Each structure stands twice: as C-alpha cells, then as structure tokens.
Amino acid sequence: MTNKPEIRINYAYLLTGVSEILDRHYNPGKSKLASFEQCEEWTEDYRKEWEKYQSKILSALHDILGLKFYRDVIDVSLAQYFIPQSEPLIIHFRNEPDLFVDVLSHELIHILLTDNDVFQLNNHDRRVDLIKIWKEMFGNNFDFGTLVHIPVHAVLKSLYIDYLHDESRYLRDIEKAKELKNTKNYADAWEYVEKNDYKQIIEELKTSYSHLKTSFI
C-alpha cells in the first residue's frame, strides 16, 4: 500500500485486434486505425505530460481522501477506441496529452475509492456495499453511473481548485461532460457536485471510510 504507486503507461498492442473491430464499427469502409509507430509516439507524449503532474496529483489524492492505494504498481493500458475505464485501466488515444492527464486522474480516483488500504473491491470482500453507502449519502434517485461519479467529481474539483490551482481544468471537465452524447451520468454527477459543497461531500466520504476501517478491526 502506498500514497504514490508507480504508474506505468504503455501501448497495449495486444488489444490491436479489438481496436480493429472497433475501427470497422466507427469508420465503416474507411479505416482510421493508427500505426504501431504512431501509437508508440502518442504513448511517449502521454508519459512525458503525466510526469509533469504525477507527484503533485498522487499526493493530492491521498491528502483529499486520506486513503492509500492498495497496489504499489498501477498499469495504464492505451488502446485505440476503447472507452476509458478503471478496471482494467484502459484509455484511448483521442485526447491531447494535457487532457489525458485529467482522464487518467479521473480513473485513478475510481481506483483509489474502490481499491485502498481500507477496502478492496477486487478482493471479493462482500461485507461492504459502496453503492448502498453512496445511496445513503447522495440519494436513491441516481442511476449507477451517476452515483459512482459524484465522489469522483467532488475529488476532481478539489484536485483542480485546491491543489493544481487550475480552474480551467475544472471548467473544461464540466463542459466535456455536457458534450457526451451516449450518457448523462457525468453531467448529472457534476450537477450534483455543483449544487452541493464538494468539500462537504469529501468529508462525508472520509467519514464513511473511517467507519469502515473501524468496523473491520
């Protein structure tokens, strides 16, 4: 367990076959799949940009939530057309390096909330139902996607405003959420965070993990 896991960012070339299928879906009759060399170049650009912020972001996430990452090493797999996800952690190449930093931060928060020194979802510990806890905190009227993003966006707001001192990232994230065509989850979660005190949301999260820790003793 650590405050600052090693973040290994690599091109997941073994997922190329799946990327080819997605390419045919999104671009029927005209492939836009990038070459191996291009993907390696993008990967290196992402690594360099992340390196600029890594220490500050990882320290901030620990300070904000008071949690440690359960894993000492976290692998970030990059693959074309994949929707960003935290488990397994896969991110596409569609963003410029600066925005990639925000996307990776988002996914790392998901990981920290579900795989930490207090509770590890991947260890099949069914004593804890985070969704039930978050419903009690935020309300029963949200779908799963919105519910899991309220904590993430509260932490992101603190990261952007209180630690990186970069309001433009915070405003950009809100606008990007509004642009998503296939889901309102991100926008709805941001709406909740904007209507409520993000610092209070974070304090409630910290209290919930403190109670969990006590219950495990």
C-alpha atoms as a PDB file:
ATOM      1  CA  MET A   1       0.000   0.000   0.000  1.00  0.00           C
ATOM      2  CA  THR A   2       1.304   3.405  -0.904  1.00  0.00           C
ATOM      3  CA  ASN A   3       0.473   7.082  -1.364  1.00  0.00           C
ATOM      4  CA  LYS A   4       2.368   7.142  -4.627  1.00  0.00           C
ATOM      5  CA  PRO A   5       2.126   3.988  -6.719  1.00  0.00           C
ATOM      6  CA  GLU A   6       4.280   3.559  -9.780  1.00  0.00           C
ATOM      7  CA  ILE A   7       2.137   4.490 -12.787  1.00  0.00           C
ATOM      8  CA  ARG A   8       3.234   2.521 -15.857  1.00  0.00           C
ATOM      9  CA  ILE A   9       1.810   3.883 -19.097  1.00  0.00           C
ATOM     10  CA  ASN A  10       2.154   1.573 -22.098  1.00  0.00           C
ATOM     11  CA  TYR A  11       0.627   0.972 -25.503  1.00  0.00           C
ATOM     12  CA  ALA A  12      -1.458  -2.203 -25.248  1.00  0.00           C
ATOM     13  CA  TYR A  13      -0.578  -3.524 -28.698  1.00  0.00           C
ATOM     14  CA  LEU A  14      -2.118  -6.913 -27.900  1.00  0.00           C
ATOM     15  CA  LEU A  15      -5.510  -5.174 -27.977  1.00  0.00           C
ATOM     16  CA  THR A  16      -4.961  -4.149 -31.596  1.00  0.00           C
ATOM     17  CA  GLY A  17      -7.325  -6.865 -32.813  1.00  0.00           C
ATOM     18  CA  VAL A  18     -10.163  -5.428 -30.740  1.00  0.00           C
ATOM     19  CA  SER A  19      -9.231  -1.923 -31.885  1.00  0.00           C
ATOM     20  CA  GLU A  20      -9.516  -3.103 -35.496  1.00  0.00           C
ATOM     21  CA  ILE A  21     -13.046  -4.351 -34.843  1.00  0.00           C
ATOM     22  CA  LEU A  22     -13.985  -1.039 -33.224  1.00  0.00           C
ATOM     23  CA  ASP A  23     -12.369   0.828 -36.110  1.00  0.00           C
ATOM     24  CA  ARG A  24     -14.566  -1.020 -38.603  1.00  0.00           C
ATOM     25  CA  HIS A  25     -17.592  -0.161 -36.483  1.00  0.00           C
ATOM     26  CA  TYR A  26     -16.841   3.531 -36.160  1.00  0.00           C
ATOM     27  CA  ASN A  27     -15.350   4.004 -39.638  1.00  0.00           C
ATOM     28  CA  PRO A  28     -17.101   1.527 -41.976  1.00  0.00           C
ATOM     29  CA  GLY A  29     -15.323   1.270 -45.314  1.00  0.00           C
ATOM     30  CA  LYS A  30     -12.510   3.637 -44.359  1.00  0.00           C
ATOM     31  CA  SER A  31     -10.029   2.635 -41.680  1.00  0.00           C
ATOM     32  CA  LYS A  32      -8.595   5.305 -39.409  1.00  0.00           C
ATOM     33  CA  LEU A  33      -6.534   2.935 -37.304  1.00  0.00           C
ATOM     34  CA  ALA A  34      -3.186   4.482 -36.432  1.00  0.00           C
ATOM     35  CA  SER A  35       0.090   2.633 -36.947  1.00  0.00           C
ATOM     36  CA  PHE A  36       2.100   0.922 -34.229  1.00  0.00           C
ATOM     37  CA  GLU A  37       4.745   3.649 -34.540  1.00  0.00           C
ATOM     38  CA  GLN A  38       2.165   6.408 -34.159  1.00  0.00           C
ATOM     39  CA  CYS A  39       0.680   4.790 -31.067  1.00  0.00           C
ATOM     40  CA  GLU A  40       4.127   4.439 -29.511  1.00  0.00           C
ATOM     41  CA  GLU A  41       4.754   8.120 -30.210  1.00  0.00           C
ATOM     42  CA  TRP A  42       1.467   9.143 -28.618  1.00  0.00           C
ATOM     43  CA  THR A  43       2.250   6.924 -25.641  1.00  0.00           C
ATOM     44  CA  GLU A  44       5.564   8.660 -25.065  1.00  0.00           C
ATOM     45  CA  ASP A  45       3.851  12.062 -25.292  1.00  0.00           C
ATOM     46  CA  TYR A  46       1.350  10.937 -22.656  1.00  0.00           C
ATOM     47  CA  ARG A  47       4.132   9.675 -20.386  1.00  0.00           C
ATOM     48  CA  LYS A  48       6.008  12.967 -20.588  1.00  0.00           C
ATOM     49  CA  GLU A  49       2.917  15.040 -19.838  1.00  0.00           C
ATOM     50  CA  TRP A  50       1.840  12.836 -16.935  1.00  0.00           C
ATOM     51  CA  GLU A  51       5.344  13.015 -15.463  1.00  0.00           C
ATOM     52  CA  LYS A  52       4.915  16.785 -15.048  1.00  0.00           C
ATOM     53  CA  TYR A  53       1.966  16.321 -12.694  1.00  0.00           C
ATOM     54  CA  GLN A  54       2.308  12.824 -11.277  1.00  0.00           C
ATOM     55  CA  SER A  55       3.842  13.585  -7.893  1.00  0.00           C
ATOM     56  CA  LYS A  56       1.522  16.505  -7.167  1.00  0.00           C
ATOM     57  CA  ILE A  57      -1.613  14.639  -8.251  1.00  0.00           C
ATOM     58  CA  LEU A  58      -0.870  11.446  -6.327  1.00  0.00           C
ATOM     59  CA  SER A  59      -0.013  13.414  -3.197  1.00  0.00           C
ATOM     60  CA  ALA A  60      -3.185  15.442  -3.590  1.00  0.00           C
ATOM     61  CA  LEU A  61      -5.425  12.386  -3.933  1.00  0.00           C
ATOM     62  CA  HIS A  62      -4.030  10.989  -0.691  1.00  0.00           C
ATOM     63  CA  ASP A  63      -4.463  14.337   1.082  1.00  0.00           C
ATOM     64  CA  ILE A  64      -8.025  14.754  -0.177  1.00  0.00           C
ATOM     65  CA  LEU A  65      -9.349  11.321   0.797  1.00  0.00           C
ATOM     66  CA  GLY A  66      -6.859  10.173   3.412  1.00  0.00           C
ATOM     67  CA  LEU A  67      -6.599   6.826   1.606  1.00  0.00           C
ATOM     68  CA  LYS A  68      -3.652   4.872   0.263  1.00  0.00           C
ATOM     69  CA  PHE A  69      -3.633   2.934  -2.986  1.00  0.00           C
ATOM     70  CA  TYR A  70      -3.716  -0.801  -2.317  1.00  0.00           C
ATOM     71  CA  ARG A  71      -1.477  -1.525  -5.303  1.00  0.00           C
ATOM     72  CA  ASP A  72       2.123  -0.361  -5.457  1.00  0.00           C
ATOM     73  CA  VAL A  73       2.088  -0.501  -9.264  1.00  0.00           C
ATOM     74  CA  ILE A  74      -0.797   0.572 -11.490  1.00  0.00           C
ATOM     75  CA  ASP A  75      -0.635  -0.221 -15.200  1.00  0.00           C
ATOM     76  CA  VAL A  76      -2.286   2.116 -17.694  1.00  0.00           C
ATOM     77  CA  SER A  77      -3.014   0.334 -20.977  1.00  0.00           C
ATOM     78  CA  LEU A  78      -3.507   2.544 -24.020  1.00  0.00           C
ATOM     79  CA  ALA A  79      -5.618   1.222 -26.896  1.00  0.00           C
ATOM     80  CA  GLN A  80      -7.437   2.812 -29.799  1.00  0.00           C
ATOM     81  CA  TYR A  81     -11.194   3.377 -29.498  1.00  0.00           C
ATOM     82  CA  PHE A  82     -11.559   1.948 -26.004  1.00  0.00           C
ATOM     83  CA  ILE A  83     -13.807   3.954 -23.699  1.00  0.00           C
ATOM     84  CA  PRO A  84     -11.727   4.976 -20.654  1.00  0.00           C
ATOM     85  CA  GLN A  85     -12.255   2.618 -17.742  1.00  0.00           C
ATOM     86  CA  SER A  86     -10.631   1.977 -14.399  1.00  0.00           C
ATOM     87  CA  GLU A  87     -10.806  -1.817 -14.149  1.00  0.00           C
ATOM     88  CA  PRO A  88      -8.845  -2.812 -16.059  1.00  0.00           C
ATOM     89  CA  LEU A  89      -7.369   0.636 -16.593  1.00  0.00           C
ATOM     90  CA  ILE A  90      -7.578   1.283 -20.335  1.00  0.00           C
ATOM     91  CA  ILE A  91      -7.568   4.691 -22.039  1.00  0.00           C
ATOM     92  CA  HIS A  92      -7.857   5.604 -25.718  1.00  0.00           C
ATOM     93  CA  PHE A  93      -5.626   7.947 -27.741  1.00  0.00           C
ATOM     94  CA  ARG A  94      -8.258  10.524 -28.632  1.00  0.00           C
ATOM     95  CA  ASN A  95      -7.116  13.248 -26.251  1.00  0.00           C
ATOM     96  CA  GLU A  96      -4.238  15.666 -26.348  1.00  0.00           C
ATOM     97  CA  PRO A  97      -1.612  14.969 -23.652  1.00  0.00           C
ATOM     98  CA  ASP A  98      -2.902  17.740 -21.389  1.00  0.00           C
ATOM     99  CA  LEU A  99      -6.413  16.278 -21.359  1.00  0.00           C
ATOM    100  CA  PHE A 100      -5.009  12.761 -20.930  1.00  0.00           C
ATOM    101  CA  VAL A 101      -3.723  13.895 -17.523  1.00  0.00           C
ATOM    102  CA  ASP A 102      -7.285  14.715 -16.486  1.00  0.00           C
ATOM    103  CA  VAL A 103      -8.668  11.430 -17.817  1.00  0.00           C
ATOM    104  CA  LEU A 104      -6.016   9.418 -16.004  1.00  0.00           C
ATOM    105  CA  SER A 105      -6.650  11.372 -12.791  1.00  0.00           C
ATOM    106  CA  HIS A 106     -10.347  10.544 -13.118  1.00  0.00           C
ATOM    107  CA  GLU A 107      -9.661   6.817 -13.471  1.00  0.00           C
ATOM    108  CA  LEU A 108      -7.142   6.798 -10.627  1.00  0.00           C
ATOM    109  CA  ILE A 109      -9.775   8.296  -8.326  1.00  0.00           C
ATOM    110  CA  HIS A 110     -12.113   5.428  -9.222  1.00  0.00           C
ATOM    111  CA  ILE A 111      -9.314   3.034  -8.282  1.00  0.00           C
ATOM    112  CA  LEU A 112      -8.485   4.798  -5.026  1.00  0.00           C
ATOM    113  CA  LEU A 113     -12.139   4.748  -3.966  1.00  0.00           C
ATOM    114  CA  THR A 114     -12.520   1.009  -4.580  1.00  0.00           C
ATOM    115  CA  ASP A 115      -9.044  -0.473  -4.004  1.00  0.00           C
ATOM    116  CA  ASN A 116      -7.417   1.149  -0.999  1.00  0.00           C
ATOM    117  CA  ASP A 117      -5.903   0.410   2.402  1.00  0.00           C
ATOM    118  CA  VAL A 118      -9.366   0.253   3.991  1.00  0.00           C
ATOM    119  CA  PHE A 119     -11.397  -1.660   1.409  1.00  0.00           C
ATOM    120  CA  GLN A 120     -10.515  -3.672  -1.706  1.00  0.00           C
ATOM    121  CA  LEU A 121     -13.396  -4.477  -4.031  1.00  0.00           C
ATOM    122  CA  ASN A 122     -11.193  -6.798  -6.111  1.00  0.00           C
ATOM    123  CA  ASN A 123     -10.549  -8.986  -3.078  1.00  0.00           C
ATOM    124  CA  HIS A 124     -14.223 -10.043  -3.222  1.00  0.00           C
ATOM    125  CA  ASP A 125     -14.954  -8.572   0.196  1.00  0.00           C
ATOM    126  CA  ARG A 126     -18.750  -8.595   0.201  1.00  0.00           C
ATOM    127  CA  ARG A 127     -19.106  -7.145   3.682  1.00  0.00           C
ATOM    128  CA  VAL A 128     -19.166  -3.711   2.094  1.00  0.00           C
ATOM    129  CA  ASP A 129     -21.633  -2.340  -0.455  1.00  0.00           C
ATOM    130  CA  LEU A 130     -20.247   1.010  -1.577  1.00  0.00           C
ATOM    131  CA  ILE A 131     -23.272   1.677  -3.764  1.00  0.00           C
ATOM    132  CA  LYS A 132     -25.583   1.303  -0.764  1.00  0.00           C
ATOM    133  CA  ILE A 133     -23.363   3.632   1.247  1.00  0.00           C
ATOM    134  CA  TRP A 134     -23.305   6.218  -1.530  1.00  0.00           C
ATOM    135  CA  LYS A 135     -27.072   6.000  -1.990  1.00  0.00           C
ATOM    136  CA  GLU A 136     -27.446   6.835   1.684  1.00  0.00           C
ATOM    137  CA  MET A 137     -25.076   9.773   1.230  1.00  0.00           C
ATOM    138  CA  PHE A 138     -26.268  11.181  -2.085  1.00  0.00           C
ATOM    139  CA  GLY A 139     -29.811   9.839  -2.564  1.00  0.00           C
ATOM    140  CA  ASN A 140     -31.617   6.879  -4.096  1.00  0.00           C
ATOM    141  CA  ASN A 141     -32.746   8.720  -7.215  1.00  0.00           C
ATOM    142  CA  PHE A 142     -29.473   8.353  -9.134  1.00  0.00           C
ATOM    143  CA  ASP A 143     -28.533   5.580 -11.543  1.00  0.00           C
ATOM    144  CA  PHE A 144     -25.312   3.618 -11.035  1.00  0.00           C
ATOM    145  CA  GLY A 145     -23.242   5.710 -13.441  1.00  0.00           C
ATOM    146  CA  THR A 146     -24.164   8.986 -11.791  1.00  0.00           C
ATOM    147  CA  LEU A 147     -23.770   7.620  -8.279  1.00  0.00           C
ATOM    148  CA  VAL A 148     -20.205   6.399  -8.804  1.00  0.00           C
ATOM    149  CA  HIS A 149     -19.174   9.678 -10.423  1.00  0.00           C
ATOM    150  CA  ILE A 150     -20.380  12.030  -7.694  1.00  0.00           C
ATOM    151  CA  PRO A 151     -17.433  11.096  -5.424  1.00  0.00           C
ATOM    152  CA  VAL A 152     -15.027  11.181  -8.383  1.00  0.00           C
ATOM    153  CA  HIS A 153     -16.101  14.654  -9.455  1.00  0.00           C
ATOM    154  CA  ALA A 154     -16.010  16.026  -5.914  1.00  0.00           C
ATOM    155  CA  VAL A 155     -12.410  14.842  -5.605  1.00  0.00           C
ATOM    156  CA  LEU A 156     -11.570  16.169  -9.082  1.00  0.00           C
ATOM    157  CA  LYS A 157     -12.911  19.593  -8.170  1.00  0.00           C
ATOM    158  CA  SER A 158     -10.707  19.677  -5.089  1.00  0.00           C
ATOM    159  CA  LEU A 159      -7.725  18.464  -7.117  1.00  0.00           C
ATOM    160  CA  TYR A 160      -8.173  21.146  -9.779  1.00  0.00           C
ATOM    161  CA  ILE A 161      -9.079  24.042  -7.483  1.00  0.00           C
ATOM    162  CA  ASP A 162      -7.250  23.401  -4.220  1.00  0.00           C
ATOM    163  CA  TYR A 163      -4.100  21.606  -5.361  1.00  0.00           C
ATOM    164  CA  LEU A 164      -3.390  22.321  -9.028  1.00  0.00           C
ATOM    165  CA  HIS A 165      -4.930  25.803  -8.743  1.00  0.00           C
ATOM    166  CA  ASP A 166      -6.192  25.438 -12.291  1.00  0.00           C
ATOM    167  CA  GLU A 167      -9.820  26.465 -12.669  1.00  0.00           C
ATOM    168  CA  SER A 168      -9.638  25.919 -16.432  1.00  0.00           C
ATOM    169  CA  ARG A 169      -9.306  22.147 -15.937  1.00  0.00           C
ATOM    170  CA  TYR A 170     -12.329  22.135 -13.660  1.00  0.00           C
ATOM    171  CA  LEU A 171     -14.443  24.151 -16.115  1.00  0.00           C
ATOM    172  CA  ARG A 172     -13.232  22.059 -19.049  1.00  0.00           C
ATOM    173  CA  ASP A 173     -14.231  18.847 -17.301  1.00  0.00           C
ATOM    174  CA  ILE A 174     -17.767  20.137 -16.770  1.00  0.00           C
ATOM    175  CA  GLU A 175     -18.077  21.189 -20.416  1.00  0.00           C
ATOM    176  CA  LYS A 176     -16.684  17.878 -21.673  1.00  0.00           C
ATOM    177  CA  ALA A 177     -19.277  16.055 -19.569  1.00  0.00           C
ATOM    178  CA  LYS A 178     -22.057  18.047 -21.219  1.00  0.00           C
ATOM    179  CA  GLU A 179     -20.750  17.098 -24.671  1.00  0.00           C
ATOM    180  CA  LEU A 180     -21.028  13.346 -24.105  1.00  0.00           C
ATOM    181  CA  LYS A 181     -23.778  12.028 -26.366  1.00  0.00           C
ATOM    182  CA  ASN A 182     -24.205   8.490 -25.047  1.00  0.00           C
ATOM    183  CA  THR A 183     -24.595   9.193 -21.336  1.00  0.00           C
ATOM    184  CA  LYS A 184     -25.773  11.907 -18.976  1.00  0.00           C
ATOM    185  CA  ASN A 185     -24.065  10.287 -15.993  1.00  0.00           C
ATOM    186  CA  TYR A 186     -21.037  12.556 -15.994  1.00  0.00           C
ATOM    187  CA  ALA A 187     -23.068  15.736 -16.450  1.00  0.00           C
ATOM    188  CA  ASP A 188     -25.588  14.708 -13.789  1.00  0.00           C
ATOM    189  CA  ALA A 189     -22.802  13.933 -11.331  1.00  0.00           C
ATOM    190  CA  TRP A 190     -21.210  17.327 -11.961  1.00  0.00           C
ATOM    191  CA  GLU A 191     -24.615  18.964 -11.489  1.00  0.00           C
ATOM    192  CA  TYR A 192     -24.911  17.347  -8.074  1.00  0.00           C
ATOM    193  CA  VAL A 193     -21.405  18.435  -7.077  1.00  0.00           C
ATOM    194  CA  GLU A 194     -22.108  21.988  -8.251  1.00  0.00           C
ATOM    195  CA  LYS A 195     -25.323  22.172  -6.221  1.00  0.00           C
ATOM    196  CA  ASN A 196     -23.622  20.853  -3.091  1.00  0.00           C
ATOM    197  CA  ASP A 197     -20.436  21.716  -1.239  1.00  0.00           C
ATOM    198  CA  TYR A 198     -17.712  19.498  -2.709  1.00  0.00           C
ATOM    199  CA  LYS A 199     -15.699  19.811   0.475  1.00  0.00           C
ATOM    200  CA  GLN A 200     -18.645  18.519   2.499  1.00  0.00           C
ATOM    201  CA  ILE A 201     -19.036  15.605   0.070  1.00  0.00           C
ATOM    202  CA  ILE A 202     -15.372  14.748   0.590  1.00  0.00           C
ATOM    203  CA  GLU A 203     -15.714  14.963   4.368  1.00  0.00           C
ATOM    204  CA  GLU A 204     -18.658  12.556   4.208  1.00  0.00           C
ATOM    205  CA  LEU A 205     -16.577  10.188   2.087  1.00  0.00           C
ATOM    206  CA  LYS A 206     -13.683  10.333   4.545  1.00  0.00           C
ATOM    207  CA  THR A 207     -16.046   9.670   7.437  1.00  0.00           C
ATOM    208  CA  SER A 208     -17.551   6.657   5.642  1.00  0.00           C
ATOM    209  CA  TYR A 209     -14.122   5.098   5.099  1.00  0.00           C
ATOM    210  CA  SER A 210     -13.182   5.816   8.703  1.00  0.00           C
ATOM    211  CA  HIS A 211     -16.293   3.941   9.823  1.00  0.00           C
ATOM    212  CA  LEU A 212     -15.436   1.062   7.510  1.00  0.00           C
ATOM    213  CA  LYS A 213     -11.929   0.860   8.926  1.00  0.00           C
ATOM    214  CA  THR A 214     -13.282   0.756  12.471  1.00  0.00           C
ATOM    215  CA  SER A 215     -15.797  -1.964  11.582  1.00  0.00           C
ATOM    216  CA  PHE A 216     -13.012  -4.192  10.247  1.00  0.00           C
ATOM    217  CA  ILE A 217     -10.985  -4.082  13.453  1.00  0.00           C
END
